[in-house]
Protein backbone atom coordinates (compact mmCIF):
# COMPACT_ATOMS: atom_id res chain seq x y z
CA UNK A 1 9.55 -1.99 21.19
CA UNK A 2 6.32 -1.05 19.12
CA UNK A 3 8.59 1.10 16.72
CA UNK A 4 11.09 -1.86 16.30
CA UNK A 5 8.22 -4.37 15.75
CA UNK A 6 6.67 -2.09 13.01
CA UNK A 7 10.04 -1.59 11.33
CA UNK A 8 10.53 -5.36 11.32
CA UNK A 9 7.45 -5.98 9.58
CA UNK A 10 8.17 -3.57 6.77
CA UNK A 11 11.53 -4.70 6.21
CA UNK A 12 10.24 -8.34 6.28
CA UNK A 13 7.72 -7.63 3.61
CA UNK A 14 10.18 -5.75 1.47
CA UNK A 15 13.13 -8.10 1.82
CA UNK A 16 11.88 -9.80 -1.65
CA UNK A 17 13.59 -6.84 -3.22
CA UNK A 18 16.91 -8.27 -2.77
CA UNK A 19 15.93 -11.85 -3.39
CA UNK A 20 14.10 -11.02 -6.78
CA UNK A 21 17.06 -8.90 -7.96
CA UNK A 22 19.37 -11.53 -7.14
CA UNK A 23 17.51 -14.36 -9.31
CA UNK A 24 19.50 -14.90 -12.55
CA UNK A 25 16.50 -15.95 -14.39
CA UNK A 26 14.87 -12.76 -14.03
CA UNK A 27 16.60 -11.68 -17.32
CA UNK A 28 14.50 -13.99 -19.31
CA UNK A 29 11.87 -12.24 -21.57
CA UNK A 30 9.01 -14.03 -19.83
CA UNK A 31 10.01 -13.11 -16.34
CA UNK A 32 9.86 -9.53 -14.93
CA UNK A 33 10.57 -7.60 -11.83
CA UNK A 34 8.85 -4.31 -10.63
CA UNK A 35 9.81 -1.91 -8.06
CA UNK A 36 7.28 1.02 -7.29
CA UNK A 37 6.37 3.41 -4.53
CA UNK A 38 3.77 6.28 -4.07
CA UNK A 39 1.02 7.49 -1.62
CA UNK A 40 -2.16 6.15 -0.30
CA UNK A 41 -5.84 6.72 -0.42
CA UNK A 42 -7.67 5.83 2.57
CA UNK A 43 -11.34 5.85 3.86
CA UNK A 44 -12.59 8.61 6.30
CA UNK A 45 -11.45 8.12 9.81
CA UNK A 46 -13.86 7.70 12.60
CA UNK A 47 -15.04 10.30 14.84
CA UNK A 48 -13.11 13.65 14.36
CA UNK A 49 -9.97 11.91 13.06
CA UNK A 50 -8.22 12.27 9.66
CA UNK A 51 -5.79 9.89 7.93
CA UNK A 52 -2.53 11.11 6.37
CA UNK A 53 -1.81 9.91 2.94
CA UNK A 54 1.36 8.49 4.13
CA UNK A 55 3.67 6.35 1.71
CA UNK A 56 4.04 2.76 0.23
CA UNK A 57 6.45 0.80 -1.29
CA UNK A 58 6.31 -2.44 -3.37
CA UNK A 59 8.51 -5.01 -4.81
CA UNK A 60 7.15 -7.63 -7.20
CA UNK A 61 8.28 -10.54 -9.61
CA UNK A 62 5.97 -11.79 -12.44
CA UNK A 63 5.77 -14.10 -15.19
CA UNK A 64 4.15 -13.58 -18.50
CA UNK A 65 1.85 -16.77 -19.27
CA UNK A 66 1.03 -15.43 -22.93
CA UNK A 67 0.55 -12.01 -24.66
CA UNK A 68 -2.40 -11.04 -22.52
CA UNK A 69 -2.08 -12.68 -19.08
CA UNK A 70 0.59 -12.80 -16.55
CA UNK A 71 1.03 -13.54 -12.85
CA UNK A 72 2.69 -11.30 -10.31
CA UNK A 73 3.74 -11.79 -6.65
CA UNK A 74 3.76 -8.43 -4.72
CA UNK A 75 5.52 -7.79 -1.40
CA UNK A 76 4.41 -4.29 -0.03
CA UNK A 77 4.08 -1.95 2.86
CA UNK A 78 1.78 1.00 3.43
CA UNK A 79 2.48 3.54 6.38
CA UNK A 80 0.04 6.38 7.42
CA UNK A 81 -1.08 8.24 10.44
CA UNK A 82 -4.31 9.38 11.89
CA UNK A 83 -4.82 12.71 13.67
CA UNK A 84 -7.55 12.88 16.20
CA UNK A 85 -8.67 16.40 17.28
CA UNK A 86 -10.83 17.14 20.19
CA UNK A 87 -12.09 20.77 20.44
CA UNK A 88 -11.74 22.64 23.84
CA UNK A 89 -13.50 25.36 25.31
CA UNK A 90 -11.36 27.04 27.90
CA UNK A 91 -12.43 29.98 30.07
CA UNK A 92 -11.56 33.28 28.10
CA UNK A 93 -11.52 36.82 29.43
CA UNK A 94 -13.70 39.52 27.89
CA UNK A 95 -14.39 39.91 25.02
CA UNK A 96 -14.03 36.21 24.70
CA UNK A 97 -11.78 33.50 22.72
CA UNK A 98 -10.59 34.83 19.35
CA UNK A 99 -9.70 31.30 18.06
CA UNK A 100 -10.77 27.62 18.48
CA UNK A 101 -8.56 25.39 20.66
CA UNK A 102 -7.94 21.73 19.64
CA UNK A 103 -6.00 18.91 21.49
CA UNK A 104 -4.64 16.70 18.53
CA UNK A 105 -3.08 13.22 18.98
CA UNK A 106 -1.16 11.57 16.29
CA UNK A 107 -0.99 7.56 16.00
CA UNK A 108 0.80 5.68 13.35
CA UNK A 109 -0.61 2.84 11.49
CA UNK A 110 0.34 0.45 8.66
CA UNK A 111 -0.07 -2.76 6.59
CA UNK A 112 2.52 -5.01 4.92
CA UNK A 113 1.91 -8.21 3.16
CA UNK A 114 2.02 -10.55 0.25
CA UNK A 115 -0.29 -11.09 -2.65
CA UNK A 116 -0.51 -13.19 -5.64
CA UNK A 117 -2.13 -11.21 -8.56
CA UNK A 118 -3.29 -12.11 -12.29
CA UNK A 119 -2.72 -9.33 -14.78
CA UNK A 120 -4.73 -8.91 -17.89
CA UNK A 121 -3.63 -6.63 -21.00
CA UNK A 122 -6.36 -4.65 -22.47
CA UNK A 123 -4.46 -3.92 -25.70
CA UNK A 124 -1.91 -5.68 -27.92
CA UNK A 125 1.15 -3.54 -26.63
CA UNK A 126 0.16 -4.08 -22.95
CA UNK A 127 -0.15 -0.44 -22.17
CA UNK A 128 -3.33 -0.83 -20.08
CA UNK A 129 -3.93 -3.67 -17.67
CA UNK A 130 -6.21 -4.85 -15.12
CA UNK A 131 -5.02 -6.64 -11.98
CA UNK A 132 -6.92 -8.64 -9.29
CA UNK A 133 -5.41 -10.92 -6.64
CA UNK A 134 -5.66 -12.24 -3.01
CA UNK A 135 -3.20 -12.51 -0.24
CA UNK A 136 -2.51 -11.90 3.55
CA UNK A 137 -1.78 -8.53 5.25
CA UNK A 138 -0.29 -7.66 8.64
CA UNK A 139 -1.81 -4.65 10.01
CA UNK A 140 -0.01 -2.66 12.89
CA UNK A 141 -1.02 0.04 15.24
CA UNK A 142 -4.76 -0.27 14.63
CA UNK A 143 -5.62 -1.92 18.04
CA UNK A 144 -5.56 -0.24 21.45
CA UNK A 145 -2.61 -2.09 22.51
CA UNK A 146 -0.85 -1.31 19.14
CA UNK A 147 -0.74 -5.21 18.24
CA UNK A 148 -0.43 -6.84 15.07
CA UNK A 149 -3.75 -8.10 13.12
CA UNK A 150 -3.48 -10.65 10.33
CA UNK A 151 -6.24 -10.74 7.61
CA UNK A 152 -6.81 -11.98 4.30
CA UNK A 153 -6.95 -9.37 1.65
CA UNK A 154 -8.59 -9.17 -1.80
CA UNK A 155 -7.33 -6.73 -4.43
CA UNK A 156 -8.14 -5.06 -7.62
CA UNK A 157 -7.29 -2.22 -9.93
CA UNK A 158 -5.66 -1.03 -13.06
CA UNK A 159 -2.51 0.20 -14.40
CA UNK A 160 -0.54 1.84 -17.42
CA UNK A 161 2.96 0.38 -18.32
CA UNK A 162 4.71 2.76 -20.85
CA UNK A 163 7.79 1.23 -22.76
CA UNK A 164 10.96 3.34 -22.29
CA UNK A 165 13.43 0.74 -23.84
CA UNK A 166 13.69 -2.83 -25.05
CA UNK A 167 12.42 -4.31 -21.90
CA UNK A 168 12.09 -1.62 -19.38
CA UNK A 169 8.55 0.00 -18.71
CA UNK A 170 7.49 2.83 -16.36
CA UNK A 171 4.49 1.60 -14.59
CA UNK A 172 1.70 3.84 -12.87
CA UNK A 173 -0.94 1.72 -10.84
CA UNK A 174 -3.98 2.10 -8.63
CA UNK A 175 -4.87 -1.10 -6.71
CA UNK A 176 -7.54 -1.28 -4.01
CA UNK A 177 -6.87 -3.61 -1.23
CA UNK A 178 -9.74 -4.71 0.97
CA UNK A 179 -9.05 -6.49 4.25
CA UNK A 180 -11.67 -9.32 4.98
CA UNK A 181 -13.06 -9.45 8.38
CA UNK A 182 -11.59 -6.03 9.55
CA UNK A 183 -13.11 -4.38 12.68
CA UNK A 184 -10.72 -2.29 14.55
CA UNK A 185 -8.46 -2.21 11.34
CA UNK A 186 -9.01 0.26 8.40
CA UNK A 187 -11.08 -1.53 5.96
CA UNK A 188 -9.21 -0.70 2.98
CA UNK A 189 -6.27 0.97 1.41
CA UNK A 190 -5.83 2.42 -2.11
CA UNK A 191 -1.90 2.61 -2.96
CA UNK A 192 -1.23 4.81 -5.79
CA UNK A 193 2.32 3.78 -7.16
CA UNK A 194 4.77 4.67 -9.78
CA UNK A 195 7.74 2.48 -10.66
CA UNK A 196 9.52 0.59 -13.24
CA UNK A 197 9.36 -2.84 -14.76
CA UNK A 198 12.30 -4.91 -16.31
């Protein structure tokens, strides 16, 4: 049941991909669509644990307000795991233990959500930009029972959008997402993504 619930949360967050690609007005010059993915940077895990980088995916639809400012709605998911290791000291025959013994347990974590962001271009061509926004995040697997927790989120970051055609750009972005009021949940995730905008 837990695996099914996590899969449903991720699918629900990324269902926007099909919707935004189906919008006929997305071909207008002032409206754009982005699809991107990559890995995550995370804080240090508590105790002797360590987080994996995992993966993330994002689908976005945006609208240019003028040559410098845009709005962008993101649907995203990030999945990663934590390995908790406990060193064991078993009895060893002479001349003693020749290696360390550890008991390692793995647990899956993740977050999916929606954010509304503002983008500001830093140059006339729109190659470099800053991004900031807020939204809601559904974090799963972080509590002892594995249940979901909903949090408000604030985000900020920067990116590069390199033109490769009349409308298409390759986008590389780093966006810090902090979860407000998080206690048992990882307080922040920093997705590093690469994708396309058109």
